[in-house]
């Protein structure tokens, strides 16, 4: 069975590569040193520093495996080659929240590069699913934990 491709923007791919390098060549070495230091303090069964360091090591190793898997299956989509008024993967979409008349801008990206604080939403999110395939002037409605939301698509850009 072929492994499923992981769509991501070129920028997202490069960010993940940078994170992977940092984890492998900085954080991994730091945590190994922290474990060695904690071991030198004696009895490991009651050594909180040792257990915390091992837990962090486990998290780092898991994240490394996750990133390596995603990067090996990456399908890089060059957003700059896309155009049009339809919302597609990679599009930056200007929206008007019909409930409070506030404008918001989001870029639709892959699940590994999503960061709501930076306006990047996963293509798997309910909002992205509602937006994909729609055009400027369309209204989209989708369900949130706080109830239904309605947005008007003001602009679609591929930056």
N, C-alpha and C. Protein backbone atom coordinates (compact mmCIF):
# COMPACT_ATOMS: atom_id res chain seq x y z
N UNK A 1 0.84 -1.17 0.00
CA UNK A 1 0.00 0.00 0.00
C UNK A 1 0.89 1.23 0.00
N UNK A 2 0.63 2.16 -0.93
CA UNK A 2 1.41 3.38 -1.03
C UNK A 2 1.06 4.31 0.13
N UNK A 3 2.09 4.99 0.64
CA UNK A 3 1.86 5.92 1.73
C UNK A 3 1.19 7.17 1.19
N UNK A 4 0.31 7.72 1.99
CA UNK A 4 -0.43 8.91 1.61
C UNK A 4 0.50 10.12 1.57
N UNK A 5 0.37 10.89 0.48
CA UNK A 5 1.17 12.10 0.34
C UNK A 5 0.69 13.16 1.33
N UNK A 6 1.59 14.02 1.76
CA UNK A 6 1.27 15.08 2.71
C UNK A 6 1.47 16.41 1.99
N UNK A 7 0.38 17.06 1.57
CA UNK A 7 0.54 18.34 0.88
C UNK A 7 1.04 19.43 1.81
N UNK A 8 1.96 20.24 1.32
CA UNK A 8 2.44 21.38 2.09
C UNK A 8 3.05 22.41 1.14
N UNK A 9 3.07 23.64 1.63
CA UNK A 9 3.67 24.71 0.84
C UNK A 9 5.19 24.59 0.93
N UNK A 10 5.88 25.22 0.00
CA UNK A 10 7.35 25.20 0.04
C UNK A 10 7.84 25.83 1.35
N UNK A 11 7.24 26.93 1.75
CA UNK A 11 7.63 27.60 2.99
C UNK A 11 7.41 26.67 4.19
N UNK A 12 6.27 25.99 4.22
CA UNK A 12 5.99 25.05 5.30
C UNK A 12 7.00 23.91 5.33
N UNK A 13 7.36 23.40 4.16
CA UNK A 13 8.35 22.33 4.05
C UNK A 13 9.68 22.78 4.63
N UNK A 14 10.09 23.99 4.28
CA UNK A 14 11.37 24.52 4.77
C UNK A 14 11.33 24.74 6.28
N UNK A 15 10.19 25.21 6.81
CA UNK A 15 10.06 25.38 8.26
C UNK A 15 10.18 24.05 8.99
N UNK A 16 9.53 23.02 8.44
CA UNK A 16 9.61 21.69 9.06
C UNK A 16 11.03 21.13 9.01
N UNK A 17 11.73 21.37 7.89
CA UNK A 17 13.12 20.93 7.80
C UNK A 17 13.97 21.61 8.87
N UNK A 18 13.76 22.91 9.05
CA UNK A 18 14.50 23.66 10.06
C UNK A 18 14.21 23.13 11.46
N UNK A 19 12.92 22.85 11.74
CA UNK A 19 12.56 22.32 13.05
C UNK A 19 13.22 20.96 13.27
N UNK A 20 13.21 20.11 12.24
CA UNK A 20 13.82 18.79 12.35
C UNK A 20 15.32 18.91 12.64
N UNK A 21 16.01 19.78 11.93
CA UNK A 21 17.44 19.97 12.16
C UNK A 21 17.69 20.44 13.59
N UNK A 22 16.88 21.37 14.06
CA UNK A 22 17.04 21.88 15.42
C UNK A 22 16.83 20.77 16.45
N UNK A 23 15.80 19.97 16.25
CA UNK A 23 15.54 18.87 17.18
C UNK A 23 16.68 17.86 17.19
N UNK A 24 17.18 17.51 16.00
CA UNK A 24 18.21 16.47 15.90
C UNK A 24 19.58 16.94 16.37
N UNK A 25 19.93 18.18 16.05
CA UNK A 25 21.31 18.61 16.29
C UNK A 25 21.47 19.56 17.47
N UNK A 26 20.38 20.05 18.03
CA UNK A 26 20.49 20.92 19.20
C UNK A 26 19.77 20.28 20.39
N UNK A 27 18.45 20.14 20.27
CA UNK A 27 17.67 19.66 21.41
C UNK A 27 18.02 18.23 21.80
N UNK A 28 18.27 17.38 20.84
CA UNK A 28 18.61 15.99 21.16
C UNK A 28 19.89 15.94 22.01
N UNK A 29 20.88 16.73 21.62
CA UNK A 29 22.15 16.74 22.36
C UNK A 29 21.98 17.37 23.75
N UNK A 30 21.15 18.41 23.82
CA UNK A 30 20.90 19.05 25.11
C UNK A 30 20.20 18.10 26.08
N UNK A 31 19.24 17.34 25.60
CA UNK A 31 18.51 16.44 26.49
C UNK A 31 19.37 15.26 26.92
N UNK A 32 20.26 14.81 26.05
CA UNK A 32 21.18 13.73 26.43
C UNK A 32 22.09 14.22 27.56
N UNK A 33 22.56 15.45 27.44
CA UNK A 33 23.40 16.03 28.50
C UNK A 33 22.61 16.18 29.80
N UNK A 34 21.34 16.59 29.70
CA UNK A 34 20.50 16.75 30.89
C UNK A 34 20.25 15.41 31.57
N UNK A 35 20.07 14.35 30.78
CA UNK A 35 19.87 13.01 31.35
C UNK A 35 21.14 12.55 32.06
N UNK A 36 22.28 12.77 31.45
CA UNK A 36 23.54 12.40 32.08
C UNK A 36 23.75 13.15 33.40
N UNK A 37 23.43 14.44 33.40
CA UNK A 37 23.55 15.24 34.61
C UNK A 37 22.63 14.71 35.70
N UNK A 38 21.38 14.41 35.33
CA UNK A 38 20.40 13.90 36.31
C UNK A 38 20.83 12.53 36.84
N UNK A 39 21.43 11.70 36.00
CA UNK A 39 21.91 10.38 36.43
C UNK A 39 23.00 10.51 37.49
N UNK A 40 23.79 11.53 37.35
CA UNK A 40 24.91 11.70 38.28
C UNK A 40 24.44 12.05 39.69
N UNK A 41 23.15 12.39 39.84
CA UNK A 41 22.61 12.75 41.15
C UNK A 41 22.19 11.54 41.96
N UNK A 42 22.37 10.36 41.43
CA UNK A 42 22.11 9.16 42.24
C UNK A 42 20.83 8.44 41.90
N UNK A 43 20.13 7.95 42.91
CA UNK A 43 18.94 7.09 42.81
C UNK A 43 17.95 7.60 41.76
N UNK A 44 17.81 6.83 40.69
CA UNK A 44 16.95 7.24 39.57
C UNK A 44 15.46 7.08 39.88
N UNK A 45 15.13 6.20 40.80
CA UNK A 45 13.71 5.94 41.08
C UNK A 45 13.01 7.15 41.71
N UNK A 46 13.76 8.00 42.39
CA UNK A 46 13.16 9.18 43.02
C UNK A 46 13.75 10.47 42.47
N UNK A 47 14.31 10.41 41.28
CA UNK A 47 14.97 11.55 40.68
C UNK A 47 14.03 12.24 39.69
N UNK A 48 13.38 13.30 40.11
CA UNK A 48 12.41 14.00 39.27
C UNK A 48 13.06 14.60 38.02
N UNK A 49 14.27 15.11 38.17
CA UNK A 49 14.97 15.69 37.01
C UNK A 49 15.18 14.63 35.93
N UNK A 50 15.57 13.44 36.36
CA UNK A 50 15.82 12.35 35.42
C UNK A 50 14.53 11.98 34.69
N UNK A 51 13.45 11.82 35.42
CA UNK A 51 12.17 11.43 34.81
C UNK A 51 11.65 12.51 33.86
N UNK A 52 11.81 13.78 34.25
CA UNK A 52 11.38 14.88 33.38
C UNK A 52 12.21 14.91 32.10
N UNK A 53 13.51 14.70 32.23
CA UNK A 53 14.39 14.70 31.06
C UNK A 53 14.07 13.53 30.13
N UNK A 54 13.78 12.37 30.70
CA UNK A 54 13.42 11.20 29.88
C UNK A 54 12.10 11.44 29.15
N UNK A 55 11.16 12.08 29.84
CA UNK A 55 9.88 12.40 29.21
C UNK A 55 10.08 13.37 28.05
N UNK A 56 10.91 14.37 28.27
CA UNK A 56 11.20 15.33 27.19
C UNK A 56 11.92 14.63 26.04
N UNK A 57 12.83 13.73 26.35
CA UNK A 57 13.52 12.98 25.31
C UNK A 57 12.53 12.17 24.47
N UNK A 58 11.58 11.56 25.14
CA UNK A 58 10.56 10.78 24.44
C UNK A 58 9.76 11.67 23.50
N UNK A 59 9.38 12.86 23.98
CA UNK A 59 8.65 13.80 23.14
C UNK A 59 9.48 14.21 21.93
N UNK A 60 10.74 14.55 22.14
CA UNK A 60 11.62 14.98 21.05
C UNK A 60 11.78 13.87 20.01
N UNK A 61 12.03 12.65 20.47
CA UNK A 61 12.21 11.54 19.53
C UNK A 61 10.92 11.26 18.75
N UNK A 62 9.78 11.38 19.41
CA UNK A 62 8.51 11.20 18.72
C UNK A 62 8.28 12.26 17.66
N UNK A 63 8.60 13.51 18.01
CA UNK A 63 8.44 14.62 17.05
C UNK A 63 9.40 14.45 15.88
N UNK A 64 10.61 13.99 16.12
CA UNK A 64 11.57 13.73 15.04
C UNK A 64 11.00 12.69 14.09
N UNK A 65 10.48 11.61 14.62
CA UNK A 65 9.90 10.56 13.77
C UNK A 65 8.72 11.10 12.96
N UNK A 66 7.88 11.88 13.61
CA UNK A 66 6.71 12.46 12.95
C UNK A 66 7.14 13.38 11.80
N UNK A 67 8.11 14.25 12.06
CA UNK A 67 8.58 15.18 11.03
C UNK A 67 9.27 14.44 9.89
N UNK A 68 10.10 13.45 10.21
CA UNK A 68 10.77 12.68 9.16
C UNK A 68 9.75 11.99 8.26
N UNK A 69 8.72 11.44 8.86
CA UNK A 69 7.67 10.77 8.09
C UNK A 69 6.95 11.77 7.19
N UNK A 70 6.55 12.90 7.75
CA UNK A 70 5.83 13.91 6.96
C UNK A 70 6.69 14.45 5.83
N UNK A 71 7.94 14.75 6.12
CA UNK A 71 8.82 15.30 5.07
C UNK A 71 9.10 14.27 3.98
N UNK A 72 9.20 13.00 4.35
CA UNK A 72 9.46 11.97 3.33
C UNK A 72 8.25 11.76 2.42
N UNK A 73 7.06 12.11 2.91
CA UNK A 73 5.84 11.95 2.11
C UNK A 73 5.32 13.28 1.56
N UNK A 74 6.12 14.33 1.70
CA UNK A 74 5.67 15.67 1.33
C UNK A 74 5.38 15.79 -0.17
N UNK A 75 4.28 16.44 -0.44
CA UNK A 75 3.94 16.84 -1.81
C UNK A 75 3.96 18.37 -1.77
N UNK A 76 5.07 18.93 -2.24
CA UNK A 76 5.26 20.37 -2.15
C UNK A 76 4.47 21.06 -3.26
N UNK A 77 3.65 22.00 -2.84
CA UNK A 77 2.84 22.77 -3.78
C UNK A 77 3.35 24.20 -3.78
N UNK A 78 3.82 24.65 -4.94
CA UNK A 78 4.34 26.00 -5.07
C UNK A 78 3.16 26.95 -5.29
N UNK A 79 2.78 27.63 -4.23
CA UNK A 79 1.60 28.49 -4.25
C UNK A 79 1.73 29.60 -5.28
N UNK A 80 2.96 30.06 -5.53
CA UNK A 80 3.18 31.17 -6.46
C UNK A 80 2.81 30.82 -7.90
N UNK A 81 2.69 29.52 -8.20
CA UNK A 81 2.32 29.12 -9.56
C UNK A 81 0.80 29.02 -9.73
N UNK A 82 0.06 29.22 -8.64
CA UNK A 82 -1.40 29.13 -8.69
C UNK A 82 -2.00 30.53 -8.87
N UNK A 83 -3.19 30.57 -9.41
CA UNK A 83 -3.90 31.84 -9.56
C UNK A 83 -5.39 31.57 -9.67
N UNK A 84 -6.15 32.64 -9.70
CA UNK A 84 -7.58 32.51 -9.87
C UNK A 84 -8.34 33.06 -8.68
N UNK A 85 -9.66 32.99 -8.77
CA UNK A 85 -10.54 33.51 -7.73
C UNK A 85 -11.17 32.40 -6.90
N UNK A 86 -10.84 31.14 -7.22
CA UNK A 86 -11.35 30.01 -6.45
C UNK A 86 -10.40 29.67 -5.33
N UNK A 87 -10.95 29.32 -4.17
CA UNK A 87 -10.14 28.94 -3.02
C UNK A 87 -9.61 27.53 -3.22
N UNK A 88 -8.27 27.41 -3.19
CA UNK A 88 -7.58 26.14 -3.31
C UNK A 88 -6.57 26.03 -2.18
N UNK A 89 -5.96 24.87 -2.06
CA UNK A 89 -4.86 24.70 -1.12
C UNK A 89 -3.82 25.79 -1.40
N UNK A 90 -3.33 26.42 -0.35
CA UNK A 90 -2.31 27.46 -0.49
C UNK A 90 -2.85 28.86 -0.63
N UNK A 91 -4.13 28.99 -0.90
CA UNK A 91 -4.73 30.32 -1.09
C UNK A 91 -4.72 31.11 0.21
N UNK A 92 -4.53 32.40 0.07
CA UNK A 92 -4.71 33.33 1.17
C UNK A 92 -6.06 33.98 0.94
N UNK A 93 -6.94 33.85 1.91
CA UNK A 93 -8.34 34.24 1.73
C UNK A 93 -8.69 35.36 2.71
N UNK A 94 -9.20 36.48 2.18
CA UNK A 94 -9.73 37.55 3.01
C UNK A 94 -11.21 37.30 3.21
N UNK A 95 -11.63 37.30 4.47
CA UNK A 95 -13.01 36.98 4.82
C UNK A 95 -13.62 38.09 5.65
N UNK A 96 -14.95 38.20 5.56
CA UNK A 96 -15.70 39.07 6.45
C UNK A 96 -16.60 38.19 7.29
N UNK A 97 -16.44 38.30 8.62
CA UNK A 97 -17.28 37.57 9.55
C UNK A 97 -18.65 38.25 9.57
N UNK A 98 -19.66 37.59 9.05
CA UNK A 98 -20.99 38.17 8.92
C UNK A 98 -21.66 38.44 10.27
N UNK A 99 -21.18 37.80 11.34
CA UNK A 99 -21.78 38.01 12.66
C UNK A 99 -21.31 39.30 13.31
N UNK A 100 -20.02 39.62 13.17
CA UNK A 100 -19.51 40.83 13.84
C UNK A 100 -18.87 41.84 12.88
N UNK A 101 -18.99 41.59 11.58
CA UNK A 101 -18.49 42.48 10.53
C UNK A 101 -16.99 42.76 10.66
N UNK A 102 -16.23 41.78 11.15
CA UNK A 102 -14.77 41.92 11.24
C UNK A 102 -14.13 41.14 10.10
N UNK A 103 -13.07 41.71 9.54
CA UNK A 103 -12.35 41.04 8.47
C UNK A 103 -11.21 40.20 9.05
N UNK A 104 -10.98 39.05 8.43
CA UNK A 104 -9.90 38.15 8.83
C UNK A 104 -9.24 37.61 7.58
N UNK A 105 -7.97 37.25 7.70
CA UNK A 105 -7.23 36.68 6.58
C UNK A 105 -6.60 35.37 7.03
N UNK A 106 -6.77 34.33 6.22
CA UNK A 106 -6.19 33.02 6.51
C UNK A 106 -5.56 32.45 5.24
N UNK A 107 -4.49 31.69 5.44
CA UNK A 107 -3.92 30.90 4.35
C UNK A 107 -4.22 29.45 4.63
N UNK A 108 -4.67 28.74 3.62
CA UNK A 108 -4.98 27.31 3.76
C UNK A 108 -3.71 26.52 3.47
N UNK A 109 -3.26 25.77 4.48
CA UNK A 109 -1.99 25.05 4.40
C UNK A 109 -2.17 23.60 4.85
N UNK A 110 -1.10 22.84 4.80
CA UNK A 110 -1.12 21.46 5.24
C UNK A 110 -1.20 21.37 6.76
N UNK A 111 -1.58 20.21 7.25
CA UNK A 111 -1.82 20.02 8.68
C UNK A 111 -0.57 20.24 9.52
N UNK A 112 0.62 19.98 8.98
CA UNK A 112 1.85 20.12 9.75
C UNK A 112 2.34 21.56 9.84
N UNK A 113 1.82 22.43 8.98
CA UNK A 113 2.29 23.81 8.98
C UNK A 113 1.24 24.79 9.50
N UNK A 114 0.11 24.29 9.94
CA UNK A 114 -0.96 25.16 10.44
C UNK A 114 -0.51 25.88 11.71
N UNK A 115 -0.88 27.14 11.82
CA UNK A 115 -0.57 27.96 12.99
C UNK A 115 -1.60 29.09 13.02
N UNK A 116 -2.65 28.90 13.79
CA UNK A 116 -3.75 29.86 13.82
C UNK A 116 -3.29 31.25 14.21
N UNK A 117 -2.33 31.34 15.13
CA UNK A 117 -1.82 32.65 15.55
C UNK A 117 -1.18 33.43 14.39
N UNK A 118 -0.71 32.70 13.39
CA UNK A 118 -0.08 33.34 12.23
C UNK A 118 -1.00 33.33 11.01
N UNK A 119 -2.27 32.96 11.20
CA UNK A 119 -3.24 32.99 10.12
C UNK A 119 -3.14 31.84 9.14
N UNK A 120 -2.49 30.75 9.54
CA UNK A 120 -2.37 29.58 8.67
C UNK A 120 -3.26 28.48 9.24
N UNK A 121 -4.29 28.10 8.47
CA UNK A 121 -5.22 27.07 8.95
C UNK A 121 -5.07 25.79 8.11
N UNK A 122 -5.23 24.68 8.79
CA UNK A 122 -5.09 23.38 8.14
C UNK A 122 -6.20 23.17 7.11
N UNK A 123 -5.83 22.54 6.03
CA UNK A 123 -6.81 22.21 4.99
C UNK A 123 -7.86 21.23 5.52
N UNK A 124 -7.58 20.62 6.67
CA UNK A 124 -8.51 19.67 7.28
C UNK A 124 -9.50 20.35 8.23
N UNK A 125 -9.30 21.64 8.50
CA UNK A 125 -10.18 22.35 9.43
C UNK A 125 -11.57 22.55 8.82
N UNK A 126 -12.58 22.69 9.66
CA UNK A 126 -13.93 22.91 9.14
C UNK A 126 -14.03 24.17 8.26
N UNK A 127 -13.34 25.23 8.64
CA UNK A 127 -13.37 26.45 7.82
C UNK A 127 -12.75 26.21 6.46
N UNK A 128 -11.60 25.57 6.41
CA UNK A 128 -10.95 25.28 5.12
C UNK A 128 -11.85 24.42 4.23
N UNK A 129 -12.43 23.40 4.83
CA UNK A 129 -13.31 22.52 4.06
C UNK A 129 -14.49 23.29 3.48
N UNK A 130 -14.99 24.27 4.24
CA UNK A 130 -16.11 25.08 3.74
C UNK A 130 -15.65 26.02 2.63
N UNK A 131 -14.41 26.50 2.71
CA UNK A 131 -13.91 27.49 1.75
C UNK A 131 -13.46 26.88 0.42
N UNK A 132 -12.84 25.72 0.46
CA UNK A 132 -12.25 25.15 -0.75
C UNK A 132 -13.31 24.96 -1.84
N UNK A 133 -12.98 25.49 -3.01
CA UNK A 133 -13.87 25.40 -4.15
C UNK A 133 -14.78 26.61 -4.32
N UNK A 134 -14.84 27.46 -3.30
CA UNK A 134 -15.69 28.65 -3.36
C UNK A 134 -14.92 29.80 -4.00
N UNK A 135 -15.64 30.87 -4.36
CA UNK A 135 -15.05 32.01 -5.05
C UNK A 135 -15.36 33.32 -4.33
N UNK A 136 -14.71 34.38 -4.79
CA UNK A 136 -14.94 35.72 -4.25
C UNK A 136 -16.43 36.03 -4.36
N UNK A 137 -16.99 36.56 -3.28
CA UNK A 137 -18.41 36.90 -3.23
C UNK A 137 -19.29 35.82 -2.65
N UNK A 138 -18.77 34.61 -2.56
CA UNK A 138 -19.56 33.51 -1.99
C UNK A 138 -19.62 33.64 -0.47
N UNK A 139 -20.67 33.09 0.09
CA UNK A 139 -20.82 33.00 1.53
C UNK A 139 -20.62 31.54 1.92
N UNK A 140 -19.89 31.32 3.01
CA UNK A 140 -19.69 29.96 3.51
C UNK A 140 -20.20 29.89 4.94
N UNK A 141 -20.81 28.76 5.25
CA UNK A 141 -21.33 28.54 6.58
C UNK A 141 -20.76 27.21 7.07
N UNK A 142 -20.31 27.20 8.31
CA UNK A 142 -19.76 25.97 8.87
C UNK A 142 -20.00 25.96 10.37
N UNK A 143 -19.90 24.77 10.92
CA UNK A 143 -20.18 24.56 12.34
C UNK A 143 -18.91 24.70 13.16
N UNK A 144 -19.03 25.40 14.30
CA UNK A 144 -17.95 25.53 15.27
C UNK A 144 -18.48 25.05 16.62
N UNK A 145 -17.60 24.87 17.59
CA UNK A 145 -18.08 24.49 18.92
C UNK A 145 -19.04 25.52 19.52
N UNK A 146 -18.93 26.78 19.07
CA UNK A 146 -19.81 27.84 19.58
C UNK A 146 -21.05 28.04 18.70
N UNK A 147 -21.24 27.19 17.72
CA UNK A 147 -22.40 27.31 16.83
C UNK A 147 -21.99 27.59 15.39
N UNK A 148 -22.96 27.91 14.58
CA UNK A 148 -22.73 28.16 13.16
C UNK A 148 -22.06 29.53 12.95
N UNK A 149 -21.14 29.57 11.99
CA UNK A 149 -20.47 30.81 11.59
C UNK A 149 -20.69 31.00 10.10
N UNK A 150 -20.79 32.26 9.69
CA UNK A 150 -20.93 32.59 8.28
C UNK A 150 -19.89 33.64 7.91
N UNK A 151 -19.19 33.38 6.83
CA UNK A 151 -18.19 34.31 6.30
C UNK A 151 -18.50 34.61 4.85
N UNK A 152 -18.15 35.82 4.42
CA UNK A 152 -18.19 36.18 3.00
C UNK A 152 -16.76 36.23 2.52
N UNK A 153 -16.51 35.63 1.35
CA UNK A 153 -15.16 35.65 0.78
C UNK A 153 -14.97 36.97 0.05
N UNK A 154 -14.02 37.77 0.52
CA UNK A 154 -13.77 39.09 -0.05
C UNK A 154 -12.70 39.04 -1.14
N UNK A 155 -11.67 38.21 -0.93
CA UNK A 155 -10.56 38.14 -1.89
C UNK A 155 -9.85 36.82 -1.74
N UNK A 156 -9.27 36.36 -2.85
CA UNK A 156 -8.46 35.15 -2.87
C UNK A 156 -7.14 35.49 -3.56
N UNK A 157 -6.04 35.22 -2.85
CA UNK A 157 -4.72 35.53 -3.40
C UNK A 157 -3.83 34.31 -3.27
N UNK A 158 -2.85 34.25 -4.13
CA UNK A 158 -1.84 33.18 -4.06
C UNK A 158 -0.48 33.86 -3.97
N UNK A 159 0.04 33.93 -2.73
CA UNK A 159 1.29 34.67 -2.47
C UNK A 159 2.47 33.76 -2.35
